Amino acid sequence: ETGAPTPPFVVLSEEDLKVDLTDPAAKEACVQDFMKAVLGMKTSEKGLIKSIHGGGGKGTAHLDNPSDPADVRASVEKVLNEMNRADGIYFEQKVNTKGDGRFYQLELEVDGTTVAQGGRFVWFNSRLQKVVEIGLSDDLVPMFMPADLYQKSREWSAAVAKKANNNTRATMEALVFQNEKGEFEVQFIECNRRPQVENEALALLQVDSAGNRRYTFAELMM
């Protein structure tokens, strides 16, 4: 509705779903429902099964063949077993599958509906755990992505926050990559209603437009 690009995704369960996963029959019925939804997409595009309650690689499972029932079951069960809850589960198609597969994440913080200055770039390991976070002021962002695409990403972030009636210091997450044509793309994947910083790299500390030091949330928590 805001025009912000996102990877194709399918919601497998809403946030209010209640399933007793200690009951084998109830758990199997849940797995079957999720499998039916994924297999019903009739796609072979690689993706992920994710929980909105996950983080740090937990609650996320690679799904390299969404058309294979055995692969779908294994991914669904992994997420259910790790999270021990069935609500807030979804399938998300992987980005840059026609390119070299590489990507990194842009994180923008918003105060209510106002996008804060600067952004963070995040790199992951193969288990989708964050390993590096670099905070940059706006003028240094072109080190990692085109300035015009960054500005557009800020506009999309503000639009998403407004549409969601956000009233917190939230974090917008988008994946940045170069496609098979060498063109930069951005795909928004999440909005977390809190600052999200795990491994802030302090080598490129942010400053505001006047050159004043901008402290990171990681430092403020030290």
Protein backbone atom coordinates (compact mmCIF):
# COMPACT_ATOMS: atom_id res chain seq x y z
CA GLU A 1 0.00 0.00 0.00
CA THR A 2 2.98 2.33 0.52
CA GLY A 3 4.87 1.28 -2.60
CA ALA A 4 7.79 -0.07 -0.57
CA PRO A 5 9.19 -3.13 -2.39
CA THR A 6 9.09 -6.43 -0.49
CA PRO A 7 10.03 -10.02 -1.34
CA PRO A 8 7.04 -12.25 -2.13
CA PHE A 9 5.71 -13.73 1.13
CA VAL A 10 2.84 -15.79 2.49
CA VAL A 11 1.50 -15.54 6.04
CA LEU A 12 1.16 -19.03 7.51
CA SER A 13 -0.29 -18.01 10.87
CA GLU A 14 -1.56 -14.82 12.46
CA GLU A 15 -0.34 -13.48 15.80
CA ASP A 16 -3.41 -14.72 17.66
CA LEU A 17 -3.04 -18.39 16.68
CA LYS A 18 -3.00 -20.71 19.70
CA VAL A 19 -1.67 -24.25 19.27
CA ASP A 20 -0.63 -26.65 22.03
CA LEU A 21 2.62 -27.93 20.52
CA THR A 22 3.01 -30.41 23.39
CA ASP A 23 0.03 -32.28 21.92
CA PRO A 24 1.42 -34.44 19.05
CA ALA A 25 -1.90 -34.46 17.19
CA ALA A 26 -2.32 -30.67 17.44
CA LYS A 27 1.28 -30.11 16.36
CA GLU A 28 0.94 -32.43 13.36
CA ALA A 29 -2.27 -30.69 12.29
CA CYS A 30 -0.47 -27.35 12.48
CA VAL A 31 2.46 -28.67 10.44
CA GLN A 32 0.05 -30.00 7.82
CA ASP A 33 -1.73 -26.64 7.59
CA PHE A 34 1.56 -24.80 7.10
CA MET A 35 2.75 -27.33 4.54
CA LYS A 36 -0.49 -27.02 2.58
CA ALA A 37 -0.11 -23.24 2.45
CA VAL A 38 3.50 -23.39 1.25
CA LEU A 39 2.96 -26.16 -1.28
CA GLY A 40 -0.12 -24.30 -2.50
CA MET A 41 2.11 -21.47 -3.69
CA LYS A 42 3.33 -23.85 -6.42
CA THR A 43 6.75 -22.24 -6.55
CA SER A 44 10.28 -23.58 -6.63
CA GLU A 45 11.86 -20.25 -5.70
CA LYS A 46 14.12 -20.53 -2.65
CA GLY A 47 12.86 -18.99 0.56
CA LEU A 48 12.77 -18.96 4.33
CA ILE A 49 10.28 -20.05 6.97
CA LYS A 50 10.38 -17.33 9.64
CA SER A 51 8.83 -16.45 12.97
CA ILE A 52 8.18 -12.83 13.87
CA HIS A 53 9.33 -13.76 17.38
CA GLY A 54 12.74 -15.02 16.22
CA GLY A 55 16.11 -13.32 16.09
CA GLY A 56 19.82 -14.04 15.91
CA GLY A 57 19.18 -16.87 13.47
CA LYS A 58 16.69 -18.55 15.81
CA GLY A 59 13.23 -19.05 14.38
CA THR A 60 14.40 -19.01 10.77
CA ALA A 61 14.84 -22.00 8.47
CA HIS A 62 16.16 -22.14 4.92
CA LEU A 63 13.75 -23.69 2.43
CA ASP A 64 15.56 -24.34 -0.82
CA ASN A 65 12.73 -26.24 -2.49
CA PRO A 66 9.23 -25.05 -1.49
CA SER A 67 7.71 -27.62 -3.86
CA ASP A 68 9.18 -30.60 -1.97
CA PRO A 69 6.93 -31.78 0.90
CA ALA A 70 9.86 -33.27 2.84
CA ASP A 71 11.85 -30.04 2.66
CA VAL A 72 8.81 -27.98 3.66
CA ARG A 73 8.10 -30.21 6.65
CA ALA A 74 11.71 -30.06 7.85
CA SER A 75 11.77 -26.25 7.69
CA VAL A 76 8.39 -25.82 9.36
CA GLU A 77 9.25 -28.23 12.17
CA LYS A 78 12.60 -26.53 12.76
CA VAL A 79 10.94 -23.17 13.36
CA LEU A 80 8.17 -24.63 15.54
CA ASN A 81 10.67 -26.56 17.64
CA GLU A 82 12.96 -23.57 18.09
CA MET A 83 10.22 -21.10 18.97
CA ASN A 84 7.84 -23.49 20.77
CA ARG A 85 4.94 -21.43 19.44
CA ALA A 86 2.97 -21.45 16.19
CA ASP A 87 1.80 -17.86 15.88
CA GLY A 88 3.42 -15.30 13.59
CA ILE A 89 4.94 -17.75 11.10
CA TYR A 90 5.44 -16.85 7.44
CA PHE A 91 7.25 -17.80 4.24
CA GLU A 92 9.53 -15.21 2.65
CA GLN A 93 11.16 -15.63 -0.75
CA LYS A 94 14.93 -15.13 -0.79
CA VAL A 95 16.35 -12.09 -2.60
CA ASN A 96 18.95 -11.97 -5.37
CA THR A 97 18.50 -15.61 -6.36
CA LYS A 98 19.14 -14.74 -9.99
CA GLY A 99 22.28 -12.78 -9.09
CA ASP A 100 25.17 -13.93 -6.91
CA GLY A 101 22.92 -14.42 -3.89
CA ARG A 102 24.71 -11.86 -1.75
CA PHE A 103 22.96 -9.11 0.21
CA TYR A 104 23.32 -6.93 3.26
CA GLN A 105 20.77 -5.18 5.40
CA LEU A 106 19.91 -1.51 5.75
CA GLU A 107 18.42 -0.51 9.10
CA LEU A 108 16.68 2.83 9.53
CA GLU A 109 15.25 4.02 12.81
CA VAL A 110 12.05 6.03 12.98
CA ASP A 111 10.71 8.13 15.85
CA GLY A 112 6.98 7.78 15.36
CA THR A 113 6.78 8.58 11.65
CA THR A 114 9.99 10.63 11.41
CA VAL A 115 13.05 8.86 10.03
CA ALA A 116 16.14 9.47 12.15
CA GLN A 117 19.35 10.70 10.56
CA GLY A 118 21.82 8.10 9.39
CA GLY A 119 21.50 4.37 8.98
CA ARG A 120 23.16 1.06 9.74
CA PHE A 121 24.44 -1.62 7.39
CA VAL A 122 24.45 -5.20 8.63
CA TRP A 123 26.18 -8.33 7.38
CA PHE A 124 25.15 -11.91 8.24
CA ASN A 125 26.78 -15.32 8.38
CA SER A 126 25.35 -18.44 6.71
CA ARG A 127 23.10 -19.04 9.73
CA LEU A 128 21.57 -15.57 9.26
CA GLN A 129 23.17 -14.26 12.45
CA LYS A 130 24.39 -10.67 12.45
CA VAL A 131 28.17 -10.43 12.53
CA VAL A 132 28.90 -6.76 11.68
CA GLU A 133 26.89 -3.55 12.04
CA ILE A 134 28.25 -0.24 10.76
CA GLY A 135 26.50 3.01 11.59
CA LEU A 136 26.90 5.85 9.09
CA SER A 137 25.78 9.43 8.74
CA ASP A 138 23.75 10.22 5.63
CA ASP A 139 26.66 11.59 3.63
CA LEU A 140 28.64 8.35 3.98
CA VAL A 141 25.83 5.99 2.97
CA PRO A 142 26.93 5.97 -0.72
CA MET A 143 29.86 3.82 0.45
CA PHE A 144 27.37 0.94 0.39
CA MET A 145 24.40 1.92 -1.80
CA PRO A 146 23.39 4.67 -4.25
CA ALA A 147 22.40 7.91 -2.52
CA ASP A 148 19.11 8.20 -4.46
CA LEU A 149 18.03 4.67 -3.50
CA TYR A 150 18.91 5.42 0.13
CA GLN A 151 16.76 8.56 0.09
CA LYS A 152 13.91 6.61 -1.48
CA SER A 153 14.29 3.99 1.24
CA ARG A 154 13.90 6.72 3.85
CA GLU A 155 10.69 7.88 2.15
CA TRP A 156 9.33 4.32 2.10
CA SER A 157 10.24 3.88 5.78
CA ALA A 158 8.32 7.01 6.73
CA ALA A 159 5.32 5.86 4.68
CA VAL A 160 5.31 2.42 6.35
CA ALA A 161 5.55 4.00 9.81
CA LYS A 162 2.67 6.33 9.02
CA LYS A 163 0.50 3.54 7.63
CA ALA A 164 1.19 1.46 10.75
CA ASN A 165 0.46 4.37 13.11
CA ASN A 166 3.88 3.82 14.68
CA ASN A 167 4.42 5.60 17.99
CA THR A 168 7.76 4.13 19.10
CA ARG A 169 11.45 4.30 18.23
CA ALA A 170 11.25 1.53 15.64
CA THR A 171 13.68 -0.12 13.24
CA MET A 172 12.91 -0.62 9.54
CA GLU A 173 14.87 -3.43 7.90
CA ALA A 174 15.51 -3.75 4.17
CA LEU A 175 17.83 -5.99 2.18
CA VAL A 176 20.18 -4.32 -0.32
CA PHE A 177 21.78 -6.19 -3.21
CA GLN A 178 22.96 -5.97 -6.81
CA ASN A 179 20.80 -8.01 -9.16
CA GLU A 180 21.94 -10.05 -12.14
CA LYS A 181 22.11 -6.83 -14.20
CA GLY A 182 24.38 -5.16 -11.66
CA GLU A 183 21.61 -2.79 -10.56
CA PHE A 184 21.07 -2.01 -6.88
CA GLU A 185 17.74 -3.05 -5.39
CA VAL A 186 16.21 -2.78 -1.94
CA GLN A 187 13.53 -5.06 -0.48
CA PHE A 188 11.87 -4.28 2.86
CA ILE A 189 11.38 -7.29 5.13
CA GLU A 190 10.53 -6.16 8.68
CA CYS A 191 9.51 -3.35 10.99
CA ASN A 192 10.53 -3.88 14.63
CA ARG A 193 8.91 -1.60 17.18
CA ARG A 194 12.20 -1.06 19.02
CA PRO A 195 15.81 -0.05 18.29
CA GLN A 196 17.57 -3.15 17.04
CA VAL A 197 21.33 -3.17 17.54
CA GLU A 198 23.28 -6.29 18.47
CA ASN A 199 26.83 -5.88 17.18
CA GLU A 200 27.42 -2.22 16.49
CA ALA A 201 30.74 -1.55 14.76
CA LEU A 202 32.30 1.57 16.25
CA ALA A 203 34.93 2.23 13.58
CA LEU A 204 32.63 4.55 11.60
CA LEU A 205 30.71 6.33 14.33
CA GLN A 206 27.91 8.58 13.22
CA VAL A 207 27.92 12.35 13.50
CA ASP A 208 25.15 14.79 12.83
CA SER A 209 25.21 17.48 10.12
CA ALA A 210 27.04 19.86 12.50
CA GLY A 211 29.77 17.33 13.19
CA ASN A 212 28.53 16.48 16.69
CA ARG A 213 29.09 12.97 17.94
CA ARG A 214 25.96 10.77 17.67
CA TYR A 215 26.04 8.00 20.26
CA THR A 216 24.77 4.58 19.30
CA PHE A 217 22.17 2.66 21.28
CA ALA A 218 24.80 -0.02 21.91
CA GLU A 219 27.02 2.54 23.65
CA LEU A 220 24.17 4.03 25.65
CA MET A 221 23.43 0.58 27.05
CA MET A 222 27.03 -0.01 28.14
